[in-house]
Amino acid sequence: MVTLSLDPTVGSEQRGVRPSVIVSDPDVAGEQRYPLVAVVPLTRTPG
């Protein structure tokens, strides 16, 4: 888990500083020309 600043945002995207989980596989991302990192911001709001 990491803490990320999610600014700037557009529309209803989560913004501000949020705890987040990185769900990408570093072995796969490191082998790609343009690595993709998936970030899942956490919130207390259900839904």
C-alpha atoms as a PDB file:
ATOM      1  CA  MET A   1       0.000   0.000   0.000  1.00  0.00           C
ATOM      2  CA  VAL A   2       1.210   3.478  -0.868  1.00  0.00           C
ATOM      3  CA  THR A   3      -0.098   7.019  -0.387  1.00  0.00           C
ATOM      4  CA  LEU A   4      -0.615   8.932  -3.649  1.00  0.00           C
ATOM      5  CA  SER A   5      -1.670  12.434  -4.594  1.00  0.00           C
ATOM      6  CA  LEU A   6      -4.423  11.952  -7.197  1.00  0.00           C
ATOM      7  CA  ASP A   7      -4.457  15.503  -8.554  1.00  0.00           C
ATOM      8  CA  PRO A   8      -5.407  16.807 -11.077  1.00  0.00           C
ATOM      9  CA  THR A   9      -8.694  15.031 -11.671  1.00  0.00           C
ATOM     10  CA  VAL A  10     -11.606  15.315 -14.103  1.00  0.00           C
ATOM     11  CA  GLY A  11     -15.303  15.047 -13.227  1.00  0.00           C
ATOM     12  CA  SER A  12     -16.101  12.647 -10.383  1.00  0.00           C
ATOM     13  CA  GLU A  13     -12.654  11.007 -10.135  1.00  0.00           C
ATOM     14  CA  GLN A  14     -11.218  10.640  -6.636  1.00  0.00           C
ATOM     15  CA  ARG A  15      -8.880  13.475  -5.773  1.00  0.00           C
ATOM     16  CA  GLY A  16      -6.506  14.462  -3.035  1.00  0.00           C
ATOM     17  CA  VAL A  17      -4.136  12.229  -1.101  1.00  0.00           C
ATOM     18  CA  ARG A  18      -5.443   8.641  -0.916  1.00  0.00           C
ATOM     19  CA  PRO A  19      -4.134   5.306   0.261  1.00  0.00           C
ATOM     20  CA  SER A  20      -3.771   3.127  -2.822  1.00  0.00           C
ATOM     21  CA  VAL A  21      -2.820  -0.398  -3.817  1.00  0.00           C
ATOM     22  CA  ILE A  22      -0.574  -1.143  -6.799  1.00  0.00           C
ATOM     23  CA  VAL A  23      -1.903  -4.291  -8.520  1.00  0.00           C
ATOM     24  CA  SER A  24       0.470  -4.523 -11.507  1.00  0.00           C
ATOM     25  CA  ASP A  25       3.021  -7.308 -11.838  1.00  0.00           C
ATOM     26  CA  PRO A  26       6.466  -5.621 -11.758  1.00  0.00           C
ATOM     27  CA  ASP A  27       8.080  -8.487 -13.704  1.00  0.00           C
ATOM     28  CA  VAL A  28       5.630  -8.057 -16.599  1.00  0.00           C
ATOM     29  CA  ALA A  29       5.602  -4.235 -16.493  1.00  0.00           C
ATOM     30  CA  GLY A  30       9.415  -4.096 -16.590  1.00  0.00           C
ATOM     31  CA  GLU A  31       9.544  -6.105 -19.833  1.00  0.00           C
ATOM     32  CA  GLN A  32       7.150  -3.851 -21.774  1.00  0.00           C
ATOM     33  CA  ARG A  33       8.208  -0.891 -23.896  1.00  0.00           C
ATOM     34  CA  TYR A  34       5.424   1.226 -22.373  1.00  0.00           C
ATOM     35  CA  PRO A  35       4.760  -0.338 -18.961  1.00  0.00           C
ATOM     36  CA  LEU A  36       1.262  -0.039 -17.542  1.00  0.00           C
ATOM     37  CA  VAL A  37       0.805   0.318 -13.799  1.00  0.00           C
ATOM     38  CA  ALA A  38      -2.640  -0.333 -12.305  1.00  0.00           C
ATOM     39  CA  VAL A  39      -3.438   1.722  -9.208  1.00  0.00           C
ATOM     40  CA  VAL A  40      -6.525   1.137  -7.042  1.00  0.00           C
ATOM     41  CA  PRO A  41      -7.339   4.133  -4.798  1.00  0.00           C
ATOM     42  CA  LEU A  42      -9.104   3.209  -1.560  1.00  0.00           C
ATOM     43  CA  THR A  43     -12.067   5.000  -0.001  1.00  0.00           C
ATOM     44  CA  ARG A  44     -14.415   4.570   2.944  1.00  0.00           C
ATOM     45  CA  THR A  45     -17.484   5.253   0.812  1.00  0.00           C
ATOM     46  CA  PRO A  46     -19.286   2.033  -0.196  1.00  0.00           C
ATOM     47  CA  GLY A  47     -20.315   1.446  -3.789  1.00  0.00           C
END
